[in-house]
PDB file of N, CA and C in Angstrom:
ATOM      1  N   MET A   1      79.347  98.181 103.249  1.00  0.00           N
ATOM      2  CA  MET A   1      80.757  99.731 103.923  1.00  0.00           C
ATOM      3  C   MET A   1      80.085 100.472 104.770  1.00  0.00           C
ATOM      4  N   THR A   2      80.508 101.004 106.376  1.00  0.00           N
ATOM      5  CA  THR A   2      79.961 101.746 107.092  1.00  0.00           C
ATOM      6  C   THR A   2      80.492 103.342 106.766  1.00  0.00           C
ATOM      7  N   THR A   3      79.629 103.813 106.008  1.00  0.00           N
ATOM      8  CA  THR A   3      79.102 105.574 106.149  1.00  0.00           C
ATOM      9  C   THR A   3      79.216 106.625 106.969  1.00  0.00           C
ATOM     10  N   ASP A   4      79.187 106.735 108.361  1.00  0.00           N
ATOM     11  CA  ASP A   4      78.174 106.971 109.174  1.00  0.00           C
ATOM     12  C   ASP A   4      79.687 107.362 110.127  1.00  0.00           C
ATOM     13  N   PHE A   5      80.991 108.062 109.494  1.00  0.00           N
ATOM     14  CA  PHE A   5      81.440 109.128 109.959  1.00  0.00           C
ATOM     15  C   PHE A   5      81.189 109.901 110.577  1.00  0.00           C
ATOM     16  N   ASP A   6      81.635 111.058 111.503  1.00  0.00           N
ATOM     17  CA  ASP A   6      81.609 112.070 111.270  1.00  0.00           C
ATOM     18  C   ASP A   6      82.502 113.074 110.504  1.00  0.00           C
ATOM     19  N   PRO A   7      82.372 114.055 109.991  1.00  0.00           N
ATOM     20  CA  PRO A   7      83.012 115.084 109.153  1.00  0.00           C
ATOM     21  C   PRO A   7      84.499 114.811 109.429  1.00  0.00           C
ATOM     22  N   ALA A   8      84.660 114.704 111.355  1.00  0.00           N
ATOM     23  CA  ALA A   8      86.672 114.500 111.564  1.00  0.00           C
ATOM     24  C   ALA A   8      86.968 113.009 110.988  1.00  0.00           C
ATOM     25  N   ASP A   9      86.421 112.020 111.715  1.00  0.00           N
ATOM     26  CA  ASP A   9      86.991 111.599 110.956  1.00  0.00           C
ATOM     27  C   ASP A   9      87.145 110.837 109.585  1.00  0.00           C
ATOM     28  N   LEU A  10      86.793 111.389 108.483  1.00  0.00           N
ATOM     29  CA  LEU A  10      85.362 111.312 107.271  1.00  0.00           C
ATOM     30  C   LEU A  10      87.501 112.191 106.773  1.00  0.00           C
ATOM     31  N   SER A  11      87.585 113.059 107.578  1.00  0.00           N
ATOM     32  CA  SER A  11      88.576 113.702 106.965  1.00  0.00           C
ATOM     33  C   SER A  11      90.019 113.087 107.466  1.00  0.00           C
ATOM     34  N   ARG A  12      90.409 112.545 108.481  1.00  0.00           N
ATOM     35  CA  ARG A  12      91.614 112.407 108.923  1.00  0.00           C
ATOM     36  C   ARG A  12      91.408 111.061 108.204  1.00  0.00           C
ATOM     37  N   ILE A  13      90.364 109.934 107.866  1.00  0.00           N
ATOM     38  CA  ILE A  13      90.200 108.942 106.455  1.00  0.00           C
ATOM     39  C   ILE A  13      90.523 109.351 105.246  1.00  0.00           C
ATOM     40  N   ILE A  14      90.569 109.974 105.079  1.00  0.00           N
ATOM     41  CA  ILE A  14      91.335 110.870 103.270  1.00  0.00           C
ATOM     42  C   ILE A  14      92.139 111.393 103.146  1.00  0.00           C
ATOM     43  N   GLU A  15      92.634 111.798 104.940  1.00  0.00           N
ATOM     44  CA  GLU A  15      94.057 112.311 105.255  1.00  0.00           C
ATOM     45  C   GLU A  15      95.545 111.364 104.601  1.00  0.00           C
ATOM     46  N   MET A  16      94.750 109.970 105.654  1.00  0.00           N
ATOM     47  CA  MET A  16      95.479 108.442 105.678  1.00  0.00           C
ATOM     48  C   MET A  16      95.608 108.162 104.596  1.00  0.00           C
ATOM     49  N   ALA A  17      94.833 107.998 103.780  1.00  0.00           N
ATOM     50  CA  ALA A  17      94.572 107.235 102.454  1.00  0.00           C
ATOM     51  C   ALA A  17      95.727 108.095 101.387  1.00  0.00           C
ATOM     52  N   TRP A  18      95.517 109.452 102.102  1.00  0.00           N
ATOM     53  CA  TRP A  18      96.127 110.700 101.073  1.00  0.00           C
ATOM     54  C   TRP A  18      98.121 110.042 100.832  1.00  0.00           C
ATOM     55  N   GLU A  19      98.378 110.485 102.763  1.00  0.00           N
ATOM     56  CA  GLU A  19     100.017 110.107 103.076  1.00  0.00           C
ATOM     57  C   GLU A  19     100.534 108.281 102.231  1.00  0.00           C
ATOM     58  N   ASP A  20     101.417 109.116 102.133  1.00  0.00           N
ATOM     59  CA  ASP A  20     102.255 107.500 101.422  1.00  0.00           C
ATOM     60  C   ASP A  20     102.524 106.396 102.417  1.00  0.00           C
ATOM     61  N   ARG A  21     103.108 107.230 103.154  1.00  0.00           N
ATOM     62  CA  ARG A  21     103.957 106.427 104.470  1.00  0.00           C
ATOM     63  C   ARG A  21     103.123 105.715 105.373  1.00  0.00           C
ATOM     64  N   THR A  22     101.212 106.347 105.413  1.00  0.00           N
ATOM     65  CA  THR A  22     100.534 105.353 106.139  1.00  0.00           C
ATOM     66  C   THR A  22     100.024 104.154 106.102  1.00  0.00           C
ATOM     67  N   PRO A  23      99.948 102.999 105.657  1.00  0.00           N
ATOM     68  CA  PRO A  23      99.952 101.517 105.478  1.00  0.00           C
ATOM     69  C   PRO A  23      97.941 101.598 105.390  1.00  0.00           C
ATOM     70  N   PHE A  24      97.025 101.400 104.271  1.00  0.00           N
ATOM     71  CA  PHE A  24      95.888 100.661 104.597  1.00  0.00           C
ATOM     72  C   PHE A  24      95.110  99.659 105.814  1.00  0.00           C
ATOM     73  N   GLU A  25      96.614  98.987 106.019  1.00  0.00           N
ATOM     74  CA  GLU A  25      95.837  98.282 107.537  1.00  0.00           C
ATOM     75  C   GLU A  25      96.308  99.819 108.553  1.00  0.00           C
ATOM     76  N   ALA A  26      96.711 100.419 108.894  1.00  0.00           N
ATOM     77  CA  ALA A  26      96.171 101.287 110.349  1.00  0.00           C
ATOM     78  C   ALA A  26      94.811 101.795 109.302  1.00  0.00           C
ATOM     79  N   ILE A  27      94.200 102.133 108.715  1.00  0.00           N
ATOM     80  CA  ILE A  27      93.522 102.579 108.488  1.00  0.00           C
ATOM     81  C   ILE A  27      92.310 101.802 108.993  1.00  0.00           C
ATOM     82  N   GLU A  28      92.745 100.672 108.368  1.00  0.00           N
ATOM     83  CA  GLU A  28      92.050  99.286 108.536  1.00  0.00           C
ATOM     84  C   GLU A  28      91.517  99.155 110.051  1.00  0.00           C
ATOM     85  N   GLN A  29      92.296  99.010 111.204  1.00  0.00           N
ATOM     86  CA  GLN A  29      92.690  98.749 112.253  1.00  0.00           C
ATOM     87  C   GLN A  29      92.298 100.108 113.006  1.00  0.00           C
ATOM     88  N   LEU A  30      91.827 101.309 112.417  1.00  0.00           N
ATOM     89  CA  LEU A  30      91.801 103.084 113.042  1.00  0.00           C
ATOM     90  C   LEU A  30      90.239 102.572 113.262  1.00  0.00           C
ATOM     91  N   TYR A  31      89.934 102.541 111.626  1.00  0.00           N
ATOM     92  CA  TYR A  31      88.261 102.418 111.487  1.00  0.00           C
ATOM     93  C   TYR A  31      87.890 101.892 110.759  1.00  0.00           C
ATOM     94  N   GLY A  32      88.140 100.554 110.594  1.00  0.00           N
ATOM     95  CA  GLY A  32      86.905  99.213 110.313  1.00  0.00           C
ATOM     96  C   GLY A  32      86.219  99.729 108.705  1.00  0.00           C
ATOM     97  N   LEU A  33      88.262 100.123 107.824  1.00  0.00           N
ATOM     98  CA  LEU A  33      87.466 100.336 106.864  1.00  0.00           C
ATOM     99  C   LEU A  33      88.669  99.698 105.941  1.00  0.00           C
ATOM    100  N   PRO A  34      88.378  98.257 105.308  1.00  0.00           N
ATOM    101  CA  PRO A  34      89.447  97.411 104.158  1.00  0.00           C
ATOM    102  C   PRO A  34      90.055  98.113 103.092  1.00  0.00           C
ATOM    103  N   GLU A  35      90.552  97.837 103.014  1.00  0.00           N
ATOM    104  CA  GLU A  35      91.403  98.801 101.048  1.00  0.00           C
ATOM    105  C   GLU A  35      90.291  99.050 100.345  1.00  0.00           C
ATOM    106  N   LYS A  36      89.510  97.970  99.888  1.00  0.00           N
ATOM    107  CA  LYS A  36      88.418  98.219  99.247  1.00  0.00           C
ATOM    108  C   LYS A  36      87.526  99.049  99.402  1.00  0.00           C
ATOM    109  N   SER A  37      87.482  99.084 100.498  1.00  0.00           N
ATOM    110  CA  SER A  37      85.891  99.803 101.478  1.00  0.00           C
ATOM    111  C   SER A  37      86.714 101.954 101.140  1.00  0.00           C
ATOM    112  N   VAL A  38      87.879 101.295 101.502  1.00  0.00           N
ATOM    113  CA  VAL A  38      88.771 102.758 101.251  1.00  0.00           C
ATOM    114  C   VAL A  38      88.589 103.812  99.502  1.00  0.00           C
ATOM    115  N   ILE A  39      88.894 102.683  99.238  1.00  0.00           N
ATOM    116  CA  ILE A  39      88.441 103.115  97.899  1.00  0.00           C
ATOM    117  C   ILE A  39      87.729 103.549  96.846  1.00  0.00           C
ATOM    118  N   GLN A  40      86.440 102.670  97.959  1.00  0.00           N
ATOM    119  CA  GLN A  40      84.983 103.072  97.205  1.00  0.00           C
ATOM    120  C   GLN A  40      84.477 104.577  98.365  1.00  0.00           C
ATOM    121  N   LEU A  41      85.239 104.532  99.289  1.00  0.00           N
ATOM    122  CA  LEU A  41      84.669 105.996  99.872  1.00  0.00           C
ATOM    123  C   LEU A  41      85.812 107.175  99.154  1.00  0.00           C
ATOM    124  N   MET A  42      87.471 106.904  99.099  1.00  0.00           N
ATOM    125  CA  MET A  42      87.686 108.087  98.075  1.00  0.00           C
ATOM    126  C   MET A  42      86.928 108.821  96.789  1.00  0.00           C
ATOM    127  N   ARG A  43      86.646 107.028  96.127  1.00  0.00           N
ATOM    128  CA  ARG A  43      85.846 107.464  94.633  1.00  0.00           C
ATOM    129  C   ARG A  43      84.130 108.320  94.937  1.00  0.00           C
ATOM    130  N   ARG A  44      83.687 108.847  96.372  1.00  0.00           N
ATOM    131  CA  ARG A  44      82.597 108.874  96.529  1.00  0.00           C
ATOM    132  C   ARG A  44      83.145 110.418  96.998  1.00  0.00           C
ATOM    133  N   GLU A  45      84.265 110.438  97.919  1.00  0.00           N
ATOM    134  CA  GLU A  45      84.699 112.003  98.723  1.00  0.00           C
ATOM    135  C   GLU A  45      85.697 112.506  98.062  1.00  0.00           C
ATOM    136  N   LEU A  46      85.951 111.920  97.143  1.00  0.00           N
ATOM    137  CA  LEU A  46      87.068 112.933  96.191  1.00  0.00           C
ATOM    138  C   LEU A  46      85.877 113.251  94.626  1.00  0.00           C
ATOM    139  N   LYS A  47      86.808 114.678  93.729  1.00  0.00           N
ATOM    140  CA  LYS A  47      86.233 115.102  92.707  1.00  0.00           C
ATOM    141  C   LYS A  47      86.874 113.907  92.273  1.00  0.00           C
ATOM    142  N   PRO A  48      86.196 113.336  90.524  1.00  0.00           N
ATOM    143  CA  PRO A  48      86.873 112.282  89.653  1.00  0.00           C
ATOM    144  C   PRO A  48      88.312 112.052  89.604  1.00  0.00           C
ATOM    145  N   SER A  49      88.774 114.039  88.731  1.00  0.00           N
ATOM    146  CA  SER A  49      89.888 114.076  88.602  1.00  0.00           C
ATOM    147  C   SER A  49      91.322 113.553  89.597  1.00  0.00           C
ATOM    148  N   SER A  50      90.485 114.188  91.078  1.00  0.00           N
ATOM    149  CA  SER A  50      90.913 113.908  92.477  1.00  0.00           C
ATOM    150  C   SER A  50      91.487 111.976  92.869  1.00  0.00           C
ATOM    151  N   PHE A  51      90.273 111.896  92.899  1.00  0.00           N
ATOM    152  CA  PHE A  51      90.454 110.042  92.321  1.00  0.00           C
ATOM    153  C   PHE A  51      91.480 109.760  91.785  1.00  0.00           C
ATOM    154  N   ARG A  52      91.150 109.942  90.691  1.00  0.00           N
ATOM    155  CA  ARG A  52      91.518 109.477  89.527  1.00  0.00           C
ATOM    156  C   ARG A  52      93.314 109.514  89.550  1.00  0.00           C
ATOM    157  N   LEU A  53      93.638 110.626  90.381  1.00  0.00           N
ATOM    158  CA  LEU A  53      95.118 111.427  90.803  1.00  0.00           C
ATOM    159  C   LEU A  53      96.021 110.152  91.794  1.00  0.00           C
ATOM    160  N   TRP A  54      94.508 109.684  93.400  1.00  0.00           N
ATOM    161  CA  TRP A  54      94.966 109.721  94.322  1.00  0.00           C
ATOM    162  C   TRP A  54      95.440 108.133  93.771  1.00  0.00           C
ATOM    163  N   ARG A  55      94.870 107.428  93.212  1.00  0.00           N
ATOM    164  CA  ARG A  55      95.011 105.688  92.260  1.00  0.00           C
ATOM    165  C   ARG A  55      95.591 105.573  91.701  1.00  0.00           C
ATOM    166  N   LYS A  56      96.057 106.604  91.507  1.00  0.00           N
ATOM    167  CA  LYS A  56      97.949 106.921  90.230  1.00  0.00           C
ATOM    168  C   LYS A  56      98.299 105.852  90.702  1.00  0.00           C
ATOM    169  N   ARG A  57      98.513 107.511  92.285  1.00  0.00           N
ATOM    170  CA  ARG A  57     100.107 107.764  93.207  1.00  0.00           C
ATOM    171  C   ARG A  57      99.964 106.250  94.315  1.00  0.00           C
ATOM    172  N   VAL A  58      99.246 106.014  94.619  1.00  0.00           N
ATOM    173  CA  VAL A  58      99.531 104.654  95.529  1.00  0.00           C
ATOM    174  C   VAL A  58      99.160 103.660  95.135  1.00  0.00           C
ATOM    175  N   THR A  59      98.880 102.813  93.554  1.00  0.00           N
ATOM    176  CA  THR A  59      98.126 101.642  92.892  1.00  0.00           C
ATOM    177  C   THR A  59      99.961 101.421  93.320  1.00  0.00           C
ATOM    178  N   GLY A  60     100.117  99.856  93.318  1.00  0.00           N
ATOM    179  CA  GLY A  60     101.799  99.784  93.517  1.00  0.00           C
ATOM    180  C   GLY A  60     102.751 100.219  94.580  1.00  0.00           C
ATOM    181  N   ARG A  61     102.365 100.714  95.528  1.00  0.00           N
ATOM    182  CA  ARG A  61     103.079 101.951  96.058  1.00  0.00           C
ATOM    183  C   ARG A  61     102.984 101.456  97.770  1.00  0.00           C
ATOM    184  N   SER A  62     104.684 100.498  97.582  1.00  0.00           N
ATOM    185  CA  SER A  62     104.975  99.604  98.875  1.00  0.00           C
ATOM    186  C   SER A  62     104.966 100.378  99.440  1.00  0.00           C
ATOM    187  N   THR A  63     104.502 101.603  99.854  1.00  0.00           N
ATOM    188  CA  THR A  63     104.789 101.813 101.805  1.00  0.00           C
ATOM    189  C   THR A  63     103.032 101.262 102.373  1.00  0.00           C
ATOM    190  N   LYS A  64     101.820 102.036 100.923  1.00  0.00           N
ATOM    191  CA  LYS A  64     100.842 101.949 101.262  1.00  0.00           C
ATOM    192  C   LYS A  64     100.063 100.061 102.226  1.00  0.00           C
ATOM    193  N   HIS A  65     100.909  99.250 101.798  1.00  0.00           N
ATOM    194  CA  HIS A  65     100.994  97.987 101.829  1.00  0.00           C
ATOM    195  C   HIS A  65     101.931  97.431 103.171  1.00  0.00           C
ATOM    196  N   ARG A  66     101.554  97.259 104.533  1.00  0.00           N
ATOM    197  CA  ARG A  66     102.480  97.026 105.909  1.00  0.00           C
ATOM    198  C   ARG A  66     103.250  95.873 105.572  1.00  0.00           C
ATOM    199  N   LEU A  67     103.213  94.864 104.278  1.00  0.00           N
ATOM    200  CA  LEU A  67     103.555  94.049 103.963  1.00  0.00           C
ATOM    201  C   LEU A  67     105.013  94.172 103.176  1.00  0.00           C
ATOM    202  N   LEU A  68     104.851  94.703 102.100  1.00  0.00           N
ATOM    203  CA  LEU A  68     105.414  95.277 100.805  1.00  0.00           C
ATOM    204  C   LEU A  68     106.273  96.611 101.333  1.00  0.00           C
ATOM    205  N   ARG A  69     107.082  96.493 102.749  1.00  0.00           N
ATOM    206  CA  ARG A  69     107.413  98.246 102.678  1.00  0.00           C
ATOM    207  C   ARG A  69     109.304  97.329 102.473  1.00  0.00           C
ATOM    208  N   PRO A  70     109.396  98.875 103.056  1.00  0.00           N
ATOM    209  CA  PRO A  70     110.990  98.561 102.835  1.00  0.00           C
ATOM    210  C   PRO A  70     111.252  98.426 104.327  1.00  0.00           C
ATOM    211  N   ALA A  71     112.399  97.395 105.256  1.00  0.00           N
ATOM    212  CA  ALA A  71     112.675  96.928 106.099  1.00  0.00           C
ATOM    213  C   ALA A  71     113.177  97.867 106.870  1.00  0.00           C
ATOM    214  N   GLY A  72     113.094  99.571 106.056  1.00  0.00           N
ATOM    215  CA  GLY A  72     113.776 101.103 107.293  1.00  0.00           C
ATOM    216  C   GLY A  72     112.738 101.158 107.284  1.00  0.00           C
ATOM    217  N   VAL A  73     111.126 100.968 106.678  1.00  0.00           N
ATOM    218  CA  VAL A  73     109.678 101.943 106.858  1.00  0.00           C
ATOM    219  C   VAL A  73     109.310 101.388 108.415  1.00  0.00           C
ATOM    220  N   SER A  74     109.222 102.441 109.415  1.00  0.00           N
ATOM    221  CA  SER A  74     108.534 101.103 110.255  1.00  0.00           C
ATOM    222  C   SER A  74     107.676 102.784 111.028  1.00  0.00           C
ATOM    223  N   ARG A  75     107.684 103.680 110.498  1.00  0.00           N
ATOM    224  CA  ARG A  75     106.612 104.569 110.812  1.00  0.00           C
ATOM    225  C   ARG A  75     105.471 104.889 109.961  1.00  0.00           C
ATOM    226  N   GLY A  76     104.864 105.939 110.200  1.00  0.00           N
ATOM    227  CA  GLY A  76     103.063 106.279 109.273  1.00  0.00           C
ATOM    228  C   GLY A  76     103.597 107.673 109.257  1.00  0.00           C
ATOM    229  N   TYR A  77     104.689 108.423 108.967  1.00  0.00           N
ATOM    230  CA  TYR A  77     105.032 109.298 108.919  1.00  0.00           C
ATOM    231  C   TYR A  77     106.193 109.951 109.011  1.00  0.00           C
ATOM    232  N   CYS A  78     106.693 110.848 107.456  1.00  0.00           N
ATOM    233  CA  CYS A  78     108.373 111.055 107.425  1.00  0.00           C
ATOM    234  C   CYS A  78     108.939 111.697 108.890  1.00  0.00           C
ATOM    235  N   PRO A  79     110.182 111.620 108.873  1.00  0.00           N
ATOM    236  CA  PRO A  79     109.967 112.936 110.050  1.00  0.00           C
ATOM    237  C   PRO A  79     110.769 113.609 109.970  1.00  0.00           C
ATOM    238  N   THR A  80     110.580 114.956 108.912  1.00  0.00           N
ATOM    239  CA  THR A  80     110.098 116.513 108.735  1.00  0.00           C
ATOM    240  C   THR A  80     108.620 116.478 108.620  1.00  0.00           C
ATOM    241  N   GLN A  81     108.125 116.059 108.272  1.00  0.00           N
ATOM    242  CA  GLN A  81     105.955 116.261 107.765  1.00  0.00           C
ATOM    243  C   GLN A  81     105.922 116.795 108.883  1.00  0.00           C
ATOM    244  N   TYR A  82     106.095 116.676 110.241  1.00  0.00           N
ATOM    245  CA  TYR A  82     105.720 117.141 111.668  1.00  0.00           C
ATOM    246  C   TYR A  82     106.050 117.775 112.325  1.00  0.00           C
ATOM    247  N   LYS A  83     106.383 119.017 112.002  1.00  0.00           N
ATOM    248  CA  LYS A  83     108.356 119.954 112.346  1.00  0.00           C
ATOM    249  C   LYS A  83     107.478 120.929 113.193  1.00  0.00           C
ATOM    250  N   HIS A  84     107.744 120.383 114.746  1.00  0.00           N
ATOM    251  CA  HIS A  84     107.518 121.433 115.614  1.00  0.00           C
ATOM    252  C   HIS A  84     107.753 123.014 115.671  1.00  0.00           C
ATOM    253  N   ARG A  85     106.850 123.497 116.740  1.00  0.00           N
ATOM    254  CA  ARG A  85     107.292 125.612 115.791  1.00  0.00           C
ATOM    255  C   ARG A  85     107.358 125.648 117.006  1.00  0.00           C
TER     256      ARG A  85
END
């Protein structure tokens, strides 16, 4: 697994992994990390309790895998997630 990410990229990868609608395939496309490597990165970078919470949250979540997504989910984020002020 590549570990030479700058802090901004590392932060973005973790943020994308936490987002419900961002599939692992998007992380792989942008950063070259397959799902297994994202899990390893999260295990290394998060506190143990945070990692367990994240794993519980993403396990079985259909929106984290592009092929399992319901037909209506075509974006990587909820329309209310990035509100413009």
